[in-house]
Every structure is written in C-alpha cells, then in structure tokens.
PDB file of N, CA and C in Angstrom:
ATOM      1  N   MET A   1     146.863  59.959 127.791  1.00  0.00           N
ATOM      2  CA  MET A   1     145.868  61.007 128.052  1.00  0.00           C
ATOM      3  C   MET A   1     146.808  60.072 129.347  1.00  0.00           C
ATOM      4  N   ALA A   2     146.239  60.774 130.492  1.00  0.00           N
ATOM      5  CA  ALA A   2     146.762  60.216 132.128  1.00  0.00           C
ATOM      6  C   ALA A   2     145.299  59.594 132.561  1.00  0.00           C
ATOM      7  N   ILE A   3     145.467  58.578 133.385  1.00  0.00           N
ATOM      8  CA  ILE A   3     144.090  58.006 134.403  1.00  0.00           C
ATOM      9  C   ILE A   3     144.709  58.538 135.917  1.00  0.00           C
ATOM     10  N   ILE A   4     144.373  59.722 136.484  1.00  0.00           N
ATOM     11  CA  ILE A   4     145.054  59.635 137.857  1.00  0.00           C
ATOM     12  C   ILE A   4     143.634  59.526 139.127  1.00  0.00           C
ATOM     13  N   THR A   5     144.083  58.812 139.816  1.00  0.00           N
ATOM     14  CA  THR A   5     142.957  58.575 140.817  1.00  0.00           C
ATOM     15  C   THR A   5     143.517  59.350 142.128  1.00  0.00           C
ATOM     16  N   LEU A   6     142.219  59.912 142.446  1.00  0.00           N
ATOM     17  CA  LEU A   6     141.898  60.591 143.709  1.00  0.00           C
ATOM     18  C   LEU A   6     141.421  60.532 144.788  1.00  0.00           C
ATOM     19  N   ARG A   7     142.267  60.714 145.954  1.00  0.00           N
ATOM     20  CA  ARG A   7     141.511  60.298 147.154  1.00  0.00           C
ATOM     21  C   ARG A   7     140.937  61.489 148.114  1.00  0.00           C
ATOM     22  N   LEU A   8     139.837  61.213 148.110  1.00  0.00           N
ATOM     23  CA  LEU A   8     139.105  62.684 148.824  1.00  0.00           C
ATOM     24  C   LEU A   8     138.498  62.108 150.017  1.00  0.00           C
ATOM     25  N   ASN A   9     138.568  63.027 151.200  1.00  0.00           N
ATOM     26  CA  ASN A   9     138.000  62.595 152.420  1.00  0.00           C
ATOM     27  C   ASN A   9     136.437  62.918 152.658  1.00  0.00           C
ATOM     28  N   GLN A  10     135.690  62.563 153.258  1.00  0.00           N
ATOM     29  CA  GLN A  10     133.850  62.917 153.315  1.00  0.00           C
ATOM     30  C   GLN A  10     133.760  64.688 153.036  1.00  0.00           C
ATOM     31  N   GLU A  11     134.911  65.421 153.562  1.00  0.00           N
ATOM     32  CA  GLU A  11     134.393  66.502 153.455  1.00  0.00           C
ATOM     33  C   GLU A  11     134.247  67.285 151.767  1.00  0.00           C
ATOM     34  N   GLU A  12     135.840  66.967 151.678  1.00  0.00           N
ATOM     35  CA  GLU A  12     136.373  67.242 150.230  1.00  0.00           C
ATOM     36  C   GLU A  12     135.399  66.483 149.326  1.00  0.00           C
ATOM     37  N   GLU A  13     134.815  65.135 149.393  1.00  0.00           N
ATOM     38  CA  GLU A  13     133.662  64.594 148.245  1.00  0.00           C
ATOM     39  C   GLU A  13     132.546  65.788 148.486  1.00  0.00           C
ATOM     40  N   ARG A  14     132.163  65.862 149.311  1.00  0.00           N
ATOM     41  CA  ARG A  14     130.939  66.914 149.769  1.00  0.00           C
ATOM     42  C   ARG A  14     131.080  68.103 148.749  1.00  0.00           C
ATOM     43  N   VAL A  15     132.257  68.660 149.171  1.00  0.00           N
ATOM     44  CA  VAL A  15     132.397  69.830 148.458  1.00  0.00           C
ATOM     45  C   VAL A  15     132.601  69.761 146.997  1.00  0.00           C
ATOM     46  N   LEU A  16     133.145  68.594 146.203  1.00  0.00           N
ATOM     47  CA  LEU A  16     132.922  68.483 145.187  1.00  0.00           C
ATOM     48  C   LEU A  16     131.685  67.854 144.558  1.00  0.00           C
ATOM     49  N   ASP A  17     131.094  67.152 145.393  1.00  0.00           N
ATOM     50  CA  ASP A  17     130.008  66.864 144.801  1.00  0.00           C
ATOM     51  C   ASP A  17     128.792  68.353 144.610  1.00  0.00           C
ATOM     52  N   LEU A  18     129.306  69.001 145.754  1.00  0.00           N
ATOM     53  CA  LEU A  18     128.342  70.728 145.844  1.00  0.00           C
ATOM     54  C   LEU A  18     128.904  71.329 144.342  1.00  0.00           C
ATOM     55  N   LEU A  19     130.127  71.773 143.747  1.00  0.00           N
ATOM     56  CA  LEU A  19     130.281  71.883 142.994  1.00  0.00           C
ATOM     57  C   LEU A  19     129.867  71.482 141.385  1.00  0.00           C
ATOM     58  N   VAL A  20     129.744  70.044 141.500  1.00  0.00           N
ATOM     59  CA  VAL A  20     129.562  69.381 140.178  1.00  0.00           C
ATOM     60  C   VAL A  20     127.798  70.063 140.112  1.00  0.00           C
ATOM     61  N   LYS A  21     127.351  69.900 141.147  1.00  0.00           N
ATOM     62  CA  LYS A  21     125.767  70.198 140.823  1.00  0.00           C
ATOM     63  C   LYS A  21     125.549  71.923 140.642  1.00  0.00           C
ATOM     64  N   HIS A  22     125.914  72.785 141.363  1.00  0.00           N
ATOM     65  CA  HIS A  22     126.106  73.798 141.408  1.00  0.00           C
ATOM     66  C   HIS A  22     126.521  74.362 139.597  1.00  0.00           C
ATOM     67  N   PHE A  23     127.493  73.977 139.242  1.00  0.00           N
ATOM     68  CA  PHE A  23     128.097  74.373 137.680  1.00  0.00           C
ATOM     69  C   PHE A  23     127.136  73.166 136.481  1.00  0.00           C
ATOM     70  N   GLU A  24     126.708  72.300 137.024  1.00  0.00           N
ATOM     71  CA  GLU A  24     126.276  71.108 136.140  1.00  0.00           C
ATOM     72  C   GLU A  24     126.816  70.521 135.210  1.00  0.00           C
ATOM     73  N   GLU A  25     128.570  69.990 135.766  1.00  0.00           N
ATOM     74  CA  GLU A  25     129.516  69.702 134.935  1.00  0.00           C
ATOM     75  C   GLU A  25     130.027  68.593 135.743  1.00  0.00           C
ATOM     76  N   ASP A  26     130.720  67.388 135.563  1.00  0.00           N
ATOM     77  CA  ASP A  26     130.965  66.335 135.438  1.00  0.00           C
ATOM     78  C   ASP A  26     132.096  66.511 136.660  1.00  0.00           C
ATOM     79  N   LYS A  27     132.734  65.846 137.472  1.00  0.00           N
ATOM     80  CA  LYS A  27     133.354  65.899 138.591  1.00  0.00           C
ATOM     81  C   LYS A  27     135.007  66.133 137.555  1.00  0.00           C
ATOM     82  N   SER A  28     135.252  65.671 136.603  1.00  0.00           N
ATOM     83  CA  SER A  28     136.585  65.623 136.056  1.00  0.00           C
ATOM     84  C   SER A  28     136.439  67.128 135.480  1.00  0.00           C
ATOM     85  N   LYS A  29     135.609  67.667 134.902  1.00  0.00           N
ATOM     86  CA  LYS A  29     135.975  68.829 134.392  1.00  0.00           C
ATOM     87  C   LYS A  29     135.845  69.997 135.636  1.00  0.00           C
ATOM     88  N   VAL A  30     135.292  69.871 136.452  1.00  0.00           N
ATOM     89  CA  VAL A  30     135.244  70.906 138.030  1.00  0.00           C
ATOM     90  C   VAL A  30     136.954  70.776 138.508  1.00  0.00           C
ATOM     91  N   LEU A  31     137.592  69.635 138.479  1.00  0.00           N
ATOM     92  CA  LEU A  31     138.764  69.106 138.723  1.00  0.00           C
ATOM     93  C   LEU A  31     139.660  69.762 138.074  1.00  0.00           C
ATOM     94  N   LYS A  32     139.681  69.903 137.110  1.00  0.00           N
ATOM     95  CA  LYS A  32     140.475  70.203 135.591  1.00  0.00           C
ATOM     96  C   LYS A  32     140.470  71.929 135.503  1.00  0.00           C
ATOM     97  N   GLU A  33     139.464  72.238 135.547  1.00  0.00           N
ATOM     98  CA  GLU A  33     138.847  73.829 135.733  1.00  0.00           C
ATOM     99  C   GLU A  33     139.898  74.514 137.254  1.00  0.00           C
ATOM    100  N   ALA A  34     139.658  73.684 138.225  1.00  0.00           N
ATOM    101  CA  ALA A  34     140.200  74.049 139.410  1.00  0.00           C
ATOM    102  C   ALA A  34     141.877  74.189 139.053  1.00  0.00           C
ATOM    103  N   MET A  35     142.470  73.138 138.518  1.00  0.00           N
ATOM    104  CA  MET A  35     143.728  72.880 138.207  1.00  0.00           C
ATOM    105  C   MET A  35     144.381  74.066 137.686  1.00  0.00           C
ATOM    106  N   TRP A  36     143.577  74.681 136.166  1.00  0.00           N
ATOM    107  CA  TRP A  36     143.584  75.997 135.653  1.00  0.00           C
ATOM    108  C   TRP A  36     143.881  77.118 136.100  1.00  0.00           C
ATOM    109  N   GLU A  37     143.087  76.981 136.999  1.00  0.00           N
ATOM    110  CA  GLU A  37     143.107  78.142 138.241  1.00  0.00           C
ATOM    111  C   GLU A  37     143.854  78.389 138.857  1.00  0.00           C
ATOM    112  N   LYS A  38     144.764  77.308 139.457  1.00  0.00           N
ATOM    113  CA  LYS A  38     145.655  77.244 140.350  1.00  0.00           C
ATOM    114  C   LYS A  38     146.994  77.849 139.135  1.00  0.00           C
ATOM    115  N   PHE A  39     147.106  77.002 138.087  1.00  0.00           N
ATOM    116  CA  PHE A  39     147.921  77.463 137.208  1.00  0.00           C
ATOM    117  C   PHE A  39     148.147  78.813 136.623  1.00  0.00           C
ATOM    118  N   GLU A  40     146.995  79.270 136.431  1.00  0.00           N
ATOM    119  CA  GLU A  40     146.560  80.636 136.505  1.00  0.00           C
ATOM    120  C   GLU A  40     147.491  81.533 137.251  1.00  0.00           C
ATOM    121  N   GLU A  41     147.390  81.264 138.759  1.00  0.00           N
ATOM    122  CA  GLU A  41     147.754  82.209 139.982  1.00  0.00           C
ATOM    123  C   GLU A  41     149.181  82.095 139.553  1.00  0.00           C
ATOM    124  N   ILE A  42     149.435  81.082 139.444  1.00  0.00           N
ATOM    125  CA  ILE A  42     151.025  81.040 139.373  1.00  0.00           C
ATOM    126  C   ILE A  42     151.884  82.074 138.096  1.00  0.00           C
ATOM    127  N   ARG A  43     150.903  81.921 137.038  1.00  0.00           N
ATOM    128  CA  ARG A  43     151.391  82.671 135.825  1.00  0.00           C
ATOM    129  C   ARG A  43     150.848  84.528 136.335  1.00  0.00           C
ATOM    130  N   ASP A  44     150.151  84.575 137.013  1.00  0.00           N
ATOM    131  CA  ASP A  44     149.678  85.742 136.970  1.00  0.00           C
ATOM    132  C   ASP A  44     150.944  86.551 138.353  1.00  0.00           C
ATOM    133  N   ARG A  45     151.379  85.522 139.251  1.00  0.00           N
ATOM    134  CA  ARG A  45     152.325  85.851 140.163  1.00  0.00           C
ATOM    135  C   ARG A  45     153.473  86.160 139.627  1.00  0.00           C
ATOM    136  N   GLU A  46     153.942  85.295 138.301  1.00  0.00           N
ATOM    137  CA  GLU A  46     155.466  85.970 137.906  1.00  0.00           C
ATOM    138  C   GLU A  46     155.035  87.129 136.679  1.00  0.00           C
ATOM    139  N   LEU A  47     153.944  87.432 136.502  1.00  0.00           N
ATOM    140  CA  LEU A  47     153.824  88.721 135.889  1.00  0.00           C
ATOM    141  C   LEU A  47     153.929  89.655 136.890  1.00  0.00           C
ATOM    142  N   ILE A  48     153.385  89.692 138.005  1.00  0.00           N
ATOM    143  CA  ILE A  48     153.486  90.935 138.920  1.00  0.00           C
ATOM    144  C   ILE A  48     155.022  91.217 139.518  1.00  0.00           C
ATOM    145  N   GLU A  49     155.595  89.650 139.594  1.00  0.00           N
ATOM    146  CA  GLU A  49     157.175  89.791 140.064  1.00  0.00           C
ATOM    147  C   GLU A  49     157.874  90.396 138.992  1.00  0.00           C
ATOM    148  N   GLY A  50     157.804  90.158 137.565  1.00  0.00           N
ATOM    149  CA  GLY A  50     158.556  90.963 136.456  1.00  0.00           C
ATOM    150  C   GLY A  50     158.217  92.351 136.606  1.00  0.00           C
ATOM    151  N   TYR A  51     156.712  92.354 136.780  1.00  0.00           N
ATOM    152  CA  TYR A  51     156.795  94.071 136.532  1.00  0.00           C
ATOM    153  C   TYR A  51     157.133  94.677 137.743  1.00  0.00           C
ATOM    154  N   GLU A  52     157.291  93.993 139.012  1.00  0.00           N
ATOM    155  CA  GLU A  52     157.981  94.625 140.145  1.00  0.00           C
ATOM    156  C   GLU A  52     159.498  94.794 140.168  1.00  0.00           C
ATOM    157  N   ALA A  53     160.074  93.874 139.203  1.00  0.00           N
ATOM    158  CA  ALA A  53     161.177  94.062 138.946  1.00  0.00           C
ATOM    159  C   ALA A  53     162.229  95.296 138.451  1.00  0.00           C
ATOM    160  N   LEU A  54     160.911  95.209 136.972  1.00  0.00           N
ATOM    161  CA  LEU A  54     161.010  96.271 136.085  1.00  0.00           C
ATOM    162  C   LEU A  54     160.760  97.767 137.025  1.00  0.00           C
ATOM    163  N   SER A  55     159.917  97.782 138.048  1.00  0.00           N
ATOM    164  CA  SER A  55     159.913  99.206 138.894  1.00  0.00           C
ATOM    165  C   SER A  55     160.569  99.604 139.673  1.00  0.00           C
ATOM    166  N   ARG A  56     161.558  98.487 140.468  1.00  0.00           N
ATOM    167  CA  ARG A  56     162.561  98.600 141.474  1.00  0.00           C
ATOM    168  C   ARG A  56     163.467  98.925 140.230  1.00  0.00           C
ATOM    169  N   ALA A  57     163.762  98.404 139.137  1.00  0.00           N
ATOM    170  CA  ALA A  57     165.072  99.093 138.230  1.00  0.00           C
ATOM    171  C   ALA A  57     164.797 100.130 137.575  1.00  0.00           C
ATOM    172  N   GLY A  58     163.422 101.078 137.783  1.00  0.00           N
ATOM    173  CA  GLY A  58     162.921 102.461 137.558  1.00  0.00           C
ATOM    174  C   GLY A  58     162.905 102.658 135.975  1.00  0.00           C
ATOM    175  N   LYS A  59     162.403 101.181 135.483  1.00  0.00           N
ATOM    176  CA  LYS A  59     161.968 101.119 134.289  1.00  0.00           C
ATOM    177  C   LYS A  59     160.207 100.873 133.411  1.00  0.00           C
ATOM    178  N   ILE A  60     159.571 101.456 134.794  1.00  0.00           N
ATOM    179  CA  ILE A  60     158.210 101.407 134.642  1.00  0.00           C
ATOM    180  C   ILE A  60     158.044 103.551 134.761  1.00  0.00           C
ATOM    181  N   ARG A  61     157.277 103.394 133.728  1.00  0.00           N
ATOM    182  CA  ARG A  61     156.748 105.172 133.614  1.00  0.00           C
ATOM    183  C   ARG A  61     155.212 105.306 133.656  1.00  0.00           C
ATOM    184  N   PHE A  62     154.846 106.110 134.248  1.00  0.00           N
ATOM    185  CA  PHE A  62     153.238 106.322 134.447  1.00  0.00           C
ATOM    186  C   PHE A  62     153.158 107.674 133.795  1.00  0.00           C
ATOM    187  N   GLU A  63     151.944 108.131 133.146  1.00  0.00           N
ATOM    188  CA  GLU A  63     151.782 109.367 132.858  1.00  0.00           C
ATOM    189  C   GLU A  63     150.527 109.711 132.930  1.00  0.00           C
ATOM    190  N   SER A  64     149.844 110.957 132.681  1.00  0.00           N
ATOM    191  CA  SER A  64     148.390 111.211 132.623  1.00  0.00           C
ATOM    192  C   SER A  64     147.514 110.685 131.329  1.00  0.00           C
ATOM    193  N   ALA A  65     146.355 110.269 131.670  1.00  0.00           N
ATOM    194  CA  ALA A  65     145.724 110.450 130.565  1.00  0.00           C
ATOM    195  C   ALA A  65     145.732 111.455 129.348  1.00  0.00           C
ATOM    196  N   ASP A  66     145.814 112.679 129.876  1.00  0.00           N
ATOM    197  CA  ASP A  66     146.072 114.064 129.145  1.00  0.00           C
ATOM    198  C   ASP A  66     147.622 114.097 128.364  1.00  0.00           C
ATOM    199  N   ASP A  67     148.133 113.211 128.996  1.00  0.00           N
ATOM    200  CA  ASP A  67     149.803 113.468 128.482  1.00  0.00           C
ATOM    201  C   ASP A  67     149.289 112.061 127.213  1.00  0.00           C
ATOM    202  N   LEU A  68     149.224 111.097 127.676  1.00  0.00           N
ATOM    203  CA  LEU A  68     149.190 110.063 126.476  1.00  0.00           C
ATOM    204  C   LEU A  68     148.252 110.522 125.328  1.00  0.00           C
ATOM    205  N   VAL A  69     146.865 111.333 125.604  1.00  0.00           N
ATOM    206  CA  VAL A  69     146.485 111.926 124.338  1.00  0.00           C
ATOM    207  C   VAL A  69     147.125 112.811 123.809  1.00  0.00           C
ATOM    208  N   SER A  70     148.108 113.845 124.002  1.00  0.00           N
ATOM    209  CA  SER A  70     148.385 114.617 123.774  1.00  0.00           C
ATOM    210  C   SER A  70     149.856 114.112 122.699  1.00  0.00           C
ATOM    211  N   ARG A  71     150.362 112.884 123.014  1.00  0.00           N
ATOM    212  CA  ARG A  71     151.331 112.241 122.547  1.00  0.00           C
ATOM    213  C   ARG A  71     151.094 111.441 121.331  1.00  0.00           C
ATOM    214  N   ILE A  72     149.799 111.271 121.595  1.00  0.00           N
ATOM    215  CA  ILE A  72     149.158 110.735 120.471  1.00  0.00           C
ATOM    216  C   ILE A  72     148.576 111.750 118.736  1.00  0.00           C
ATOM    217  N   GLU A  73     148.291 112.739 119.857  1.00  0.00           N
ATOM    218  CA  GLU A  73     147.750 114.123 118.863  1.00  0.00           C
ATOM    219  C   GLU A  73     148.784 114.053 118.477  1.00  0.00           C
ATOM    220  N   GLU A  74     150.087 114.390 118.988  1.00  0.00           N
ATOM    221  CA  GLU A  74     151.713 115.017 118.072  1.00  0.00           C
ATOM    222  C   GLU A  74     151.553 114.011 116.774  1.00  0.00           C
ATOM    223  N   LYS A  75     151.691 112.648 116.494  1.00  0.00           N
ATOM    224  CA  LYS A  75     151.567 111.878 115.765  1.00  0.00           C
ATOM    225  C   LYS A  75     150.985 111.634 114.997  1.00  0.00           C
ATOM    226  N   LYS A  76     149.644 112.479 114.967  1.00  0.00           N
ATOM    227  CA  LYS A  76     148.337 112.346 114.184  1.00  0.00           C
ATOM    228  C   LYS A  76     148.712 113.429 112.900  1.00  0.00           C
ATOM    229  N   VAL A  77     148.500 112.892 111.470  1.00  0.00           N
ATOM    230  CA  VAL A  77     148.605 113.523 110.587  1.00  0.00           C
ATOM    231  C   VAL A  77     147.324 113.994 110.115  1.00  0.00           C
ATOM    232  N   PRO A  78     147.292 115.442 109.548  1.00  0.00           N
ATOM    233  CA  PRO A  78     146.172 116.191 109.752  1.00  0.00           C
ATOM    234  C   PRO A  78     145.046 115.887 108.632  1.00  0.00           C
ATOM    235  N   TYR A  79     143.854 116.059 109.033  1.00  0.00           N
ATOM    236  CA  TYR A  79     142.745 115.349 108.042  1.00  0.00           C
ATOM    237  C   TYR A  79     142.776 115.930 106.582  1.00  0.00           C
ATOM    238  N   GLU A  80     143.193 116.965 106.495  1.00  0.00           N
ATOM    239  CA  GLU A  80     143.084 117.084 105.395  1.00  0.00           C
ATOM    240  C   GLU A  80     143.927 116.470 103.850  1.00  0.00           C
ATOM    241  N   VAL A  81     145.205 116.170 104.914  1.00  0.00           N
ATOM    242  CA  VAL A  81     146.693 115.724 104.144  1.00  0.00           C
ATOM    243  C   VAL A  81     145.930 114.397 103.874  1.00  0.00           C
ATOM    244  N   VAL A  82     145.491 113.659 104.665  1.00  0.00           N
ATOM    245  CA  VAL A  82     145.262 112.313 104.564  1.00  0.00           C
ATOM    246  C   VAL A  82     144.057 112.367 103.547  1.00  0.00           C
ATOM    247  N   SER A  83     142.871 112.907 103.585  1.00  0.00           N
ATOM    248  CA  SER A  83     141.828 112.833 102.458  1.00  0.00           C
ATOM    249  C   SER A  83     142.054 113.411 101.430  1.00  0.00           C
ATOM    250  N   LYS A  84     143.352 114.318 100.961  1.00  0.00           N
ATOM    251  CA  LYS A  84     143.276 114.578  99.935  1.00  0.00           C
ATOM    252  C   LYS A  84     144.634 113.280  98.989  1.00  0.00           C
ATOM    253  N   LYS A  85     145.234 112.898  99.925  1.00  0.00           N
ATOM    254  CA  LYS A  85     146.337 111.617  99.582  1.00  0.00           C
ATOM    255  C   LYS A  85     145.055 110.484  98.380  1.00  0.00           C
ATOM    256  N   ALA A  86     144.241 110.330  99.871  1.00  0.00           N
ATOM    257  CA  ALA A  86     143.363 109.111  99.640  1.00  0.00           C
ATOM    258  C   ALA A  86     142.593 109.633  97.984  1.00  0.00           C
ATOM    259  N   GLY A  87     142.352 110.569  98.209  1.00  0.00           N
ATOM    260  CA  GLY A  87     141.486 111.405  96.880  1.00  0.00           C
ATOM    261  C   GLY A  87     142.491 111.113  95.493  1.00  0.00           C
ATOM    262  N   ARG A  88     143.701 111.043  95.675  1.00  0.00           N
ATOM    263  CA  ARG A  88     144.555 111.389  94.572  1.00  0.00           C
ATOM    264  C   ARG A  88     144.766 109.854  94.548  1.00  0.00           C
ATOM    265  N   ALA A  89     144.861 108.804  95.423  1.00  0.00           N
ATOM    266  CA  ALA A  89     144.907 107.696  95.375  1.00  0.00           C
ATOM    267  C   ALA A  89     144.200 106.714  94.450  1.00  0.00           C
ATOM    268  N   THR A  90     142.828 106.965  95.111  1.00  0.00           N
ATOM    269  CA  THR A  90     141.632 106.581  94.436  1.00  0.00           C
ATOM    270  C   THR A  90     141.686 106.985  92.974  1.00  0.00           C
ATOM    271  N   LYS A  91     142.040 108.295  92.382  1.00  0.00           N
ATOM    272  CA  LYS A  91     141.662 108.787  91.119  1.00  0.00           C
ATOM    273  C   LYS A  91     142.657 107.869  90.203  1.00  0.00           C
ATOM    274  N   LYS A  92     143.915 107.727  90.672  1.00  0.00           N
ATOM    275  CA  LYS A  92     144.839 107.114  89.954  1.00  0.00           C
ATOM    276  C   LYS A  92     144.477 105.426  89.595  1.00  0.00           C
ATOM    277  N   SER A  93     144.039 104.715  90.706  1.00  0.00           N
ATOM    278  CA  SER A  93     144.170 103.433  90.912  1.00  0.00           C
ATOM    279  C   SER A  93     142.497 102.589  90.052  1.00  0.00           C
ATOM    280  N   ARG A  94     141.924 103.478  90.104  1.00  0.00           N
ATOM    281  CA  ARG A  94     140.674 103.335  89.588  1.00  0.00           C
ATOM    282  C   ARG A  94     140.547 104.365  88.019  1.00  0.00           C
ATOM    283  N   PRO A  95     140.123 104.106  87.270  1.00  0.00           N
ATOM    284  CA  PRO A  95     139.992 105.111  85.881  1.00  0.00           C
ATOM    285  C   PRO A  95     138.239 105.093  85.899  1.00  0.00           C
ATOM    286  N   HIS A  96     138.245 106.156  85.525  1.00  0.00           N
ATOM    287  CA  HIS A  96     136.574 106.719  85.219  1.00  0.00           C
ATOM    288  C   HIS A  96     136.023 105.628  84.482  1.00  0.00           C
ATOM    289  N   LYS A  97     134.940 105.143  84.807  1.00  0.00           N
ATOM    290  CA  LYS A  97     134.036 104.349  83.675  1.00  0.00           C
ATOM    291  C   LYS A  97     133.074 105.117  83.394  1.00  0.00           C
ATOM    292  N   ARG A  98     132.456 105.008  82.273  1.00  0.00           N
ATOM    293  CA  ARG A  98     131.542 105.414  81.508  1.00  0.00           C
ATOM    294  C   ARG A  98     130.612 104.115  81.047  1.00  0.00           C
ATOM    295  N   ALA A  99     129.340 104.854  81.454  1.00  0.00           N
ATOM    296  CA  ALA A  99     128.214 104.027  81.100  1.00  0.00           C
ATOM    297  C   ALA A  99     128.224 103.778  79.876  1.00  0.00           C
ATOM    298  N   PRO A 100     127.609 102.515  79.747  1.00  0.00           N
ATOM    299  CA  PRO A 100     127.612 101.775  78.131  1.00  0.00           C
ATOM    300  C   PRO A 100     126.800 102.620  77.375  1.00  0.00           C
ATOM    301  N   GLY A 101     127.583 102.764  76.127  1.00  0.00           N
ATOM    302  CA  GLY A 101     126.568 103.859  75.007  1.00  0.00           C
ATOM    303  C   GLY A 101     127.103 105.151  75.162  1.00  0.00           C
ATOM    304  N   SER A 102     127.835 105.687  76.116  1.00  0.00           N
ATOM    305  CA  SER A 102     127.929 107.221  76.257  1.00  0.00           C
ATOM    306  C   SER A 102     129.677 107.238  75.642  1.00  0.00           C
ATOM    307  N   LYS A 103     129.660 108.498  75.817  1.00  0.00           N
ATOM    308  CA  LYS A 103     131.319 108.665  74.794  1.00  0.00           C
ATOM    309  C   LYS A 103     132.054 109.800  75.589  1.00  0.00           C
TER     310      LYS A 103
END
C-alpha cells in the first residue's frame, strides 16, 4: 500500500474539509472516490470514442422499438408447443406416485 503526501493550498484544503463534512467520510476516502471518478471519465471517453469509430465505419444500426419487438416475436416458439413439450417431459421424467396403501 502506498502512502502519498499531498500539498493543498488554503482554498483546496477548505474544499476538502467541506467535502469531508458533507459526505461524513475521512479525507482519504473522499480523495480516493475523486480519483475513481476521474478514472471513470477516462473509461467513458474510451467507450464513446469506440462507439464513434464504429459509427463512422457504418457498423452501428438503429431500429425502432416496434421493429425490435417484431424481430423478437419472429423467434418465439408458440406457447402451445412449449406447454405440450413441457407436459410430456414432465410425465416422462417423473413417474406417477401412488398414495401408500392404494393400488
């Protein structure tokens, strides 16, 4: 684990103290969270740049919600077929149990 010394001017120290009081966390945690926020900004920028590159290459396609639902509906198996198959599979996999003493 690294120990880092950070020099702050009066205004920066005042802001850090304000954040510590507001979030009710110690200085170390406030600074670490700020570091991770900055890191997320870099990752977000990379993702956006990747998307933009795909878009420029014509590899991004948009469609309406209705078109998406239609494509999903085309791939669905009718309910009756599913329920009949499930019923047969259930009967084959689980034999009928008789109550004790019955024939």
